[in-house]
């Protein structure tokens, strides 16, 4: 429970063909900001220790994927993944457009309980 972790700013490098290049670019972009001033202000205003807030943020972010999977269910996630994989395998602009339309329709169905909100993409 007492692990110390250095919050380091990282800017790469990574290969252009790295399958995680987008994720790494996002990490590098977010490393330009220092989250500690915001968390220190929140800790001071709430009385929650800084380490507990950092732990909370990490757990919430790391658990978001699991929460999404639980909410959507593994079947729909696999169906959505297959739509994207098929379009990537075909490798054409038309396949990508069709996949985007299919995914938008799937998301519209998943979003149906929220239908009182804005209509979103069509």
N, C-alpha and C. Protein backbone atom coordinates (compact mmCIF):
# COMPACT_ATOMS: atom_id res chain seq x y z
N UNK A 1 0.82 -1.21 0.00
CA UNK A 1 0.00 0.00 0.00
C UNK A 1 0.85 1.26 0.00
N UNK A 2 2.15 1.16 0.27
CA UNK A 2 2.97 2.34 0.35
C UNK A 2 3.86 2.55 -0.86
N UNK A 3 3.45 2.06 -2.02
CA UNK A 3 4.26 2.24 -3.22
C UNK A 3 4.37 3.71 -3.58
N UNK A 4 5.60 4.12 -3.88
CA UNK A 4 5.84 5.48 -4.36
C UNK A 4 6.01 5.43 -5.87
N UNK A 5 5.33 6.30 -6.56
CA UNK A 5 5.39 6.34 -8.01
C UNK A 5 5.75 7.75 -8.43
N UNK A 6 6.73 7.86 -9.32
CA UNK A 6 7.10 9.16 -9.84
C UNK A 6 6.16 9.52 -10.99
N UNK A 7 5.55 10.68 -10.94
CA UNK A 7 4.69 11.15 -12.02
C UNK A 7 5.60 11.84 -13.04
N UNK A 8 6.03 11.08 -14.01
CA UNK A 8 7.00 11.60 -14.98
C UNK A 8 6.30 12.05 -16.25
N UNK A 9 6.85 13.08 -16.85
CA UNK A 9 6.38 13.55 -18.15
C UNK A 9 7.12 12.72 -19.20
N UNK A 10 6.37 12.20 -20.16
CA UNK A 10 6.96 11.33 -21.18
C UNK A 10 6.54 11.83 -22.55
N UNK A 11 7.49 11.94 -23.45
CA UNK A 11 7.22 12.43 -24.79
C UNK A 11 7.62 11.43 -25.86
N UNK A 12 7.83 10.19 -25.52
CA UNK A 12 8.18 9.18 -26.51
C UNK A 12 9.64 8.84 -26.41
N UNK A 13 10.17 8.29 -27.46
CA UNK A 13 9.64 8.16 -28.82
C UNK A 13 8.87 6.85 -29.02
N UNK A 14 8.22 6.75 -30.17
CA UNK A 14 7.57 5.51 -30.59
C UNK A 14 7.59 5.47 -32.10
N UNK A 15 7.54 4.27 -32.63
CA UNK A 15 7.59 4.07 -34.08
C UNK A 15 6.27 4.48 -34.72
N UNK A 16 6.34 4.95 -35.94
CA UNK A 16 5.13 5.37 -36.67
C UNK A 16 4.16 4.21 -36.85
N UNK A 17 4.67 2.99 -36.96
CA UNK A 17 3.80 1.84 -37.16
C UNK A 17 3.47 1.12 -35.85
N UNK A 18 3.77 1.75 -34.73
CA UNK A 18 3.46 1.18 -33.42
C UNK A 18 1.94 1.06 -33.28
N UNK A 19 1.42 -0.13 -32.98
CA UNK A 19 -0.04 -0.28 -32.85
C UNK A 19 -0.63 0.55 -31.71
N UNK A 20 0.21 0.98 -30.79
CA UNK A 20 -0.26 1.81 -29.68
C UNK A 20 0.13 3.28 -29.85
N UNK A 21 0.46 3.68 -31.08
CA UNK A 21 0.94 5.04 -31.34
C UNK A 21 -0.08 6.10 -30.91
N UNK A 22 -1.35 5.89 -31.20
CA UNK A 22 -2.37 6.88 -30.81
C UNK A 22 -2.44 7.04 -29.30
N UNK A 23 -2.39 5.92 -28.60
CA UNK A 23 -2.43 5.95 -27.14
C UNK A 23 -1.19 6.66 -26.59
N UNK A 24 -0.03 6.34 -27.16
CA UNK A 24 1.21 6.97 -26.70
C UNK A 24 1.21 8.47 -27.00
N UNK A 25 0.67 8.86 -28.13
CA UNK A 25 0.57 10.28 -28.46
C UNK A 25 -0.34 10.99 -27.46
N UNK A 26 -1.41 10.34 -27.06
CA UNK A 26 -2.31 10.94 -26.08
C UNK A 26 -1.62 11.07 -24.73
N UNK A 27 -0.85 10.06 -24.35
CA UNK A 27 -0.09 10.13 -23.10
C UNK A 27 0.87 11.32 -23.15
N UNK A 28 1.61 11.43 -24.25
CA UNK A 28 2.57 12.53 -24.39
C UNK A 28 1.86 13.89 -24.30
N UNK A 29 0.71 14.00 -24.92
CA UNK A 29 -0.04 15.25 -24.89
C UNK A 29 -0.47 15.60 -23.47
N UNK A 30 -0.97 14.60 -22.75
CA UNK A 30 -1.44 14.86 -21.39
C UNK A 30 -0.30 15.05 -20.41
N UNK A 31 0.90 14.62 -20.77
CA UNK A 31 2.05 14.82 -19.90
C UNK A 31 2.52 16.28 -19.90
N UNK A 32 1.98 17.07 -20.80
CA UNK A 32 2.33 18.49 -20.81
C UNK A 32 1.71 19.23 -19.62
N UNK A 33 0.69 18.65 -19.03
CA UNK A 33 0.00 19.26 -17.89
C UNK A 33 0.42 18.57 -16.59
N UNK A 34 0.38 19.31 -15.52
CA UNK A 34 0.68 18.78 -14.19
C UNK A 34 -0.65 18.65 -13.44
N UNK A 35 -1.06 17.43 -13.11
CA UNK A 35 -2.35 17.25 -12.43
C UNK A 35 -2.31 17.60 -10.95
N UNK A 36 -1.13 17.70 -10.38
CA UNK A 36 -1.04 17.87 -8.93
C UNK A 36 -1.61 19.18 -8.39
N UNK A 37 -1.45 20.32 -9.05
CA UNK A 37 -2.07 21.52 -8.48
C UNK A 37 -3.59 21.38 -8.31
N UNK A 38 -4.24 20.80 -9.30
CA UNK A 38 -5.68 20.61 -9.20
C UNK A 38 -6.02 19.64 -8.07
N UNK A 39 -5.28 18.55 -8.00
CA UNK A 39 -5.55 17.56 -6.96
C UNK A 39 -5.22 18.12 -5.57
N UNK A 40 -4.18 18.93 -5.48
CA UNK A 40 -3.84 19.55 -4.18
C UNK A 40 -4.96 20.49 -3.72
N UNK A 41 -5.50 21.28 -4.67
CA UNK A 41 -6.62 22.18 -4.31
C UNK A 41 -7.83 21.36 -3.87
N UNK A 42 -8.12 20.28 -4.59
CA UNK A 42 -9.26 19.43 -4.22
C UNK A 42 -9.03 18.80 -2.85
N UNK A 43 -7.81 18.33 -2.60
CA UNK A 43 -7.49 17.75 -1.30
C UNK A 43 -7.68 18.78 -0.19
N UNK A 44 -7.20 19.99 -0.43
CA UNK A 44 -7.32 21.04 0.59
C UNK A 44 -8.78 21.41 0.84
N UNK A 45 -9.57 21.45 -0.23
CA UNK A 45 -10.96 21.88 -0.04
C UNK A 45 -11.86 20.77 0.49
N UNK A 46 -11.50 19.51 0.29
CA UNK A 46 -12.35 18.41 0.77
C UNK A 46 -11.84 17.75 2.04
N UNK A 47 -10.56 17.96 2.33
CA UNK A 47 -9.98 17.28 3.49
C UNK A 47 -9.58 15.85 3.20
N UNK A 48 -9.65 15.44 1.96
CA UNK A 48 -9.24 14.10 1.56
C UNK A 48 -7.74 14.14 1.29
N UNK A 49 -6.97 13.20 1.84
CA UNK A 49 -5.53 13.22 1.60
C UNK A 49 -5.20 13.12 0.10
N UNK A 50 -4.14 13.82 -0.30
CA UNK A 50 -3.73 13.86 -1.70
C UNK A 50 -3.52 12.45 -2.26
N UNK A 51 -2.85 11.59 -1.52
CA UNK A 51 -2.61 10.22 -1.99
C UNK A 51 -3.90 9.46 -2.24
N UNK A 52 -4.90 9.70 -1.42
CA UNK A 52 -6.19 9.03 -1.60
C UNK A 52 -6.88 9.53 -2.86
N UNK A 53 -6.77 10.82 -3.14
CA UNK A 53 -7.36 11.37 -4.36
C UNK A 53 -6.66 10.82 -5.60
N UNK A 54 -5.33 10.77 -5.57
CA UNK A 54 -4.59 10.23 -6.70
C UNK A 54 -4.98 8.77 -6.92
N UNK A 55 -5.08 8.02 -5.85
CA UNK A 55 -5.49 6.61 -5.96
C UNK A 55 -6.89 6.50 -6.56
N UNK A 56 -7.81 7.34 -6.10
CA UNK A 56 -9.18 7.36 -6.61
C UNK A 56 -9.19 7.63 -8.11
N UNK A 57 -8.47 8.65 -8.54
CA UNK A 57 -8.43 9.00 -9.97
C UNK A 57 -7.89 7.83 -10.78
N UNK A 58 -6.82 7.21 -10.32
CA UNK A 58 -6.23 6.08 -11.05
C UNK A 58 -7.19 4.89 -11.11
N UNK A 59 -7.82 4.59 -10.01
CA UNK A 59 -8.76 3.45 -9.99
C UNK A 59 -9.95 3.72 -10.88
N UNK A 60 -10.49 4.94 -10.82
CA UNK A 60 -11.64 5.28 -11.68
C UNK A 60 -11.27 5.19 -13.14
N UNK A 61 -10.10 5.72 -13.53
CA UNK A 61 -9.67 5.67 -14.93
C UNK A 61 -9.40 4.25 -15.35
N UNK A 62 -8.65 3.51 -14.54
CA UNK A 62 -8.29 2.14 -14.90
C UNK A 62 -9.52 1.25 -14.94
N UNK A 63 -10.50 1.52 -14.10
CA UNK A 63 -11.70 0.71 -14.07
C UNK A 63 -12.75 1.09 -15.09
N UNK A 64 -12.56 2.21 -15.78
CA UNK A 64 -13.58 2.69 -16.72
C UNK A 64 -13.81 1.69 -17.84
N UNK A 65 -12.77 1.05 -18.32
CA UNK A 65 -12.93 0.05 -19.38
C UNK A 65 -13.75 -1.13 -18.91
N UNK A 66 -13.50 -1.58 -17.68
CA UNK A 66 -14.26 -2.69 -17.13
C UNK A 66 -15.71 -2.32 -16.92
N UNK A 67 -15.95 -1.09 -16.46
CA UNK A 67 -17.33 -0.63 -16.26
C UNK A 67 -18.07 -0.58 -17.59
N UNK A 68 -17.39 -0.11 -18.62
CA UNK A 68 -18.00 -0.04 -19.94
C UNK A 68 -18.33 -1.43 -20.45
N UNK A 69 -17.40 -2.36 -20.28
CA UNK A 69 -17.64 -3.73 -20.70
C UNK A 69 -18.83 -4.34 -19.96
N UNK A 70 -18.91 -4.10 -18.67
CA UNK A 70 -20.03 -4.63 -17.89
C UNK A 70 -21.36 -4.01 -18.35
N UNK A 71 -21.33 -2.72 -18.63
CA UNK A 71 -22.56 -2.04 -19.04
C UNK A 71 -23.01 -2.49 -20.42
N UNK A 72 -22.08 -2.59 -21.36
CA UNK A 72 -22.44 -2.95 -22.73
C UNK A 72 -22.56 -4.46 -22.91
N UNK A 73 -21.77 -5.20 -22.17
CA UNK A 73 -21.78 -6.64 -22.31
C UNK A 73 -20.74 -7.10 -23.33
N UNK A 74 -20.14 -8.24 -23.09
CA UNK A 74 -19.08 -8.72 -23.97
C UNK A 74 -19.55 -9.00 -25.39
N UNK A 75 -20.79 -9.41 -25.57
CA UNK A 75 -21.27 -9.72 -26.92
C UNK A 75 -21.28 -8.49 -27.80
N UNK A 76 -21.82 -7.38 -27.30
CA UNK A 76 -21.90 -6.17 -28.12
C UNK A 76 -20.51 -5.60 -28.36
N UNK A 77 -19.63 -5.69 -27.37
CA UNK A 77 -18.26 -5.20 -27.56
C UNK A 77 -17.57 -6.01 -28.65
N UNK A 78 -17.74 -7.33 -28.65
CA UNK A 78 -17.14 -8.17 -29.69
C UNK A 78 -17.74 -7.87 -31.06
N UNK A 79 -19.04 -7.63 -31.11
CA UNK A 79 -19.67 -7.28 -32.39
C UNK A 79 -19.12 -5.97 -32.94
N UNK A 80 -18.97 -4.99 -32.07
CA UNK A 80 -18.43 -3.70 -32.49
C UNK A 80 -16.98 -3.86 -32.95
N UNK A 81 -16.22 -4.64 -32.20
CA UNK A 81 -14.82 -4.88 -32.58
C UNK A 81 -14.75 -5.54 -33.95
N UNK A 82 -15.61 -6.48 -34.21
CA UNK A 82 -15.59 -7.19 -35.49
C UNK A 82 -15.92 -6.26 -36.65
N UNK A 83 -16.83 -5.33 -36.44
CA UNK A 83 -17.15 -4.35 -37.49
C UNK A 83 -15.89 -3.57 -37.86
N UNK A 84 -15.16 -3.11 -36.84
CA UNK A 84 -13.93 -2.35 -37.09
C UNK A 84 -12.85 -3.22 -37.71
N UNK A 85 -12.70 -4.44 -37.22
CA UNK A 85 -11.68 -5.35 -37.75
C UNK A 85 -11.95 -5.70 -39.21
N UNK A 86 -13.22 -5.93 -39.54
CA UNK A 86 -13.56 -6.25 -40.93
C UNK A 86 -13.25 -5.08 -41.86
N UNK A 87 -13.57 -3.87 -41.42
CA UNK A 87 -13.29 -2.69 -42.24
C UNK A 87 -11.79 -2.49 -42.42
N UNK A 88 -11.04 -2.71 -41.35
CA UNK A 88 -9.59 -2.58 -41.43
C UNK A 88 -9.01 -3.62 -42.38
N UNK A 89 -9.52 -4.84 -42.30
CA UNK A 89 -9.03 -5.91 -43.18
C UNK A 89 -9.33 -5.61 -44.64
N UNK A 90 -10.50 -5.03 -44.91
CA UNK A 90 -10.85 -4.68 -46.28
C UNK A 90 -9.99 -3.51 -46.77
N UNK A 91 -9.73 -2.57 -45.89
CA UNK A 91 -8.80 -1.49 -46.17
C UNK A 91 -9.23 -0.44 -47.17
N UNK A 92 -10.52 -0.28 -47.37
CA UNK A 92 -10.99 0.74 -48.31
C UNK A 92 -11.73 1.84 -47.57
N UNK A 93 -11.81 3.00 -48.21
CA UNK A 93 -12.57 4.10 -47.63
C UNK A 93 -14.04 3.73 -47.50
N UNK A 94 -14.57 3.02 -48.48
CA UNK A 94 -15.97 2.62 -48.44
C UNK A 94 -16.23 1.69 -47.25
N UNK A 95 -15.32 0.77 -47.00
CA UNK A 95 -15.48 -0.14 -45.86
C UNK A 95 -15.45 0.63 -44.56
N UNK A 96 -14.58 1.63 -44.46
CA UNK A 96 -14.51 2.45 -43.25
C UNK A 96 -15.78 3.26 -43.06
N UNK A 97 -16.31 3.83 -44.14
CA UNK A 97 -17.57 4.59 -44.04
C UNK A 97 -18.71 3.67 -43.61
N UNK A 98 -18.78 2.46 -44.21
CA UNK A 98 -19.83 1.51 -43.84
C UNK A 98 -19.70 1.10 -42.38
N UNK A 99 -18.46 0.88 -41.94
CA UNK A 99 -18.24 0.48 -40.55
C UNK A 99 -18.65 1.61 -39.60
N UNK A 100 -18.32 2.84 -39.97
CA UNK A 100 -18.71 3.97 -39.14
C UNK A 100 -20.23 4.05 -39.02
N UNK A 101 -20.92 3.85 -40.13
CA UNK A 101 -22.38 3.87 -40.10
C UNK A 101 -22.93 2.75 -39.23
N UNK A 102 -22.36 1.57 -39.37
CA UNK A 102 -22.80 0.42 -38.56
C UNK A 102 -22.56 0.68 -37.08
N UNK A 103 -21.37 1.19 -36.76
CA UNK A 103 -21.06 1.46 -35.35
C UNK A 103 -21.96 2.56 -34.80
N UNK A 104 -22.26 3.58 -35.62
CA UNK A 104 -23.18 4.63 -35.17
C UNK A 104 -24.56 4.06 -34.87
N UNK A 105 -25.01 3.13 -35.70
CA UNK A 105 -26.31 2.50 -35.46
C UNK A 105 -26.29 1.66 -34.19
N UNK A 106 -25.19 0.94 -33.97
CA UNK A 106 -25.07 0.14 -32.75
C UNK A 106 -25.06 1.04 -31.52
N UNK A 107 -24.32 2.15 -31.60
CA UNK A 107 -24.27 3.07 -30.47
C UNK A 107 -25.62 3.74 -30.23
N UNK A 108 -26.34 4.03 -31.30
CA UNK A 108 -27.68 4.61 -31.14
C UNK A 108 -28.58 3.65 -30.38
N UNK A 109 -28.45 2.37 -30.68
CA UNK A 109 -29.24 1.37 -29.98
C UNK A 109 -28.84 1.31 -28.51
N UNK A 110 -27.53 1.34 -28.23
CA UNK A 110 -27.07 1.32 -26.84
C UNK A 110 -27.47 2.58 -26.09
N UNK A 111 -27.58 3.67 -26.83
CA UNK A 111 -27.89 4.97 -26.23
C UNK A 111 -29.40 5.20 -26.07
N UNK A 112 -30.20 4.29 -26.54
CA UNK A 112 -31.65 4.45 -26.51
C UNK A 112 -32.19 4.86 -25.14
N UNK A 113 -31.70 4.27 -24.04
CA UNK A 113 -32.20 4.72 -22.72
C UNK A 113 -31.91 6.19 -22.43
N UNK A 114 -30.98 6.78 -23.16
CA UNK A 114 -30.63 8.19 -22.97
C UNK A 114 -31.31 9.07 -24.00
N UNK A 115 -32.32 8.55 -24.68
CA UNK A 115 -32.91 9.22 -25.85
C UNK A 115 -33.49 10.58 -25.56
N UNK A 116 -33.67 10.94 -24.30
CA UNK A 116 -34.18 12.28 -24.01
C UNK A 116 -33.08 13.33 -24.15
N UNK A 117 -31.85 12.86 -24.39
CA UNK A 117 -30.73 13.77 -24.62
C UNK A 117 -30.65 14.10 -26.10
N UNK A 118 -29.63 14.86 -26.49
CA UNK A 118 -29.50 15.28 -27.89
C UNK A 118 -29.43 14.08 -28.82
N UNK A 119 -29.82 14.28 -30.06
CA UNK A 119 -29.91 13.20 -31.04
C UNK A 119 -28.56 12.65 -31.45
N UNK A 120 -27.51 13.46 -31.44
CA UNK A 120 -26.18 13.00 -31.81
C UNK A 120 -26.06 12.79 -33.30
N UNK A 121 -25.02 12.05 -33.72
CA UNK A 121 -24.77 11.86 -35.16
C UNK A 121 -25.84 11.03 -35.81
N UNK A 122 -26.08 11.31 -37.08
CA UNK A 122 -27.05 10.52 -37.83
C UNK A 122 -26.41 9.90 -39.04
